[in-house]
């Protein structure tokens, strides 16, 4: 199976590196060629353009920012689209609207290709440690074909049913992620404003039932005011926006998510788009009159 990988961003680069380090012959392309050097050093082949990846691969993994970026590399809506996807399996590992993914699946199947939805639960650190959880959806035969390829990137793979149930599963678990991390930021903002020792706040959290892997990563970052990106404000806002849209379409109430959505938007306006999602604490500080 010849494998291609397009999109070497915050998540894509460590994911692709895990494939190469596991011995997967990989053909990669990225819009910013500077991000391909670690892949080349690890043994991947660097393609000059997306068309080469499609021409020389049987399975192509797309880890791109949104549907527009995917449509661009697929040349969707042009005659070249069929040339690229026919007799190939396209694996969508990024996050887009479920309706977009459903439409893309229909177009790829109509063009003679196969499609697997495989968004991941996890941020940069789990990606680096090959601890992602892949949420697979699509034709069972196509899913079975790509499972061995995805294994070096993942701690677990959950089959969610037909497209777009993989993306709907990701949006569902991201409600919990976004609200719990925003709550942790609010906890630290409250404690700091009252002069508490934040390291002791973390000790208390670690000692009780609220301890969790995400808390153990994010709480020390909040103490240190370290906003080095694991999952960026811009990306998390995009996820919240997709959740809000899907909730409206299904008449589902998401009041906690709606508050976090607003906080993320305020944090973007403050200029923290490339900061980690814990930077919502800055919006809380502004609301509190601290900044």
Foldseek 3Di string as FASTA:
>chain_A
DAEEEEDCPLQRVLLLLLLLLVPHAYEYEYPPCVSCVVVVVSPHHYDPALQVRQVGGQEYEYADQEDVVVCVSCVPPDPVNLVRFANHEYEYAYAYFLVSLVVVQVVSVVSHHFYKYWHWPFWNVLQNVLDIETEIAGDPVSCVVCVVSSNSNHPYYHYQYHGPRRNVVNLVVLLVVLLVLQVLLVVLLVCVVVPHDLVVVLVVCCVDPNDDPVCVVRSVCSNVVPFQARQFLQSSLNSLVSSVVVCVVVVHDSVSSVVSNVLSVVLVVVPRRGTYSSSSSVVVCVVVVVD
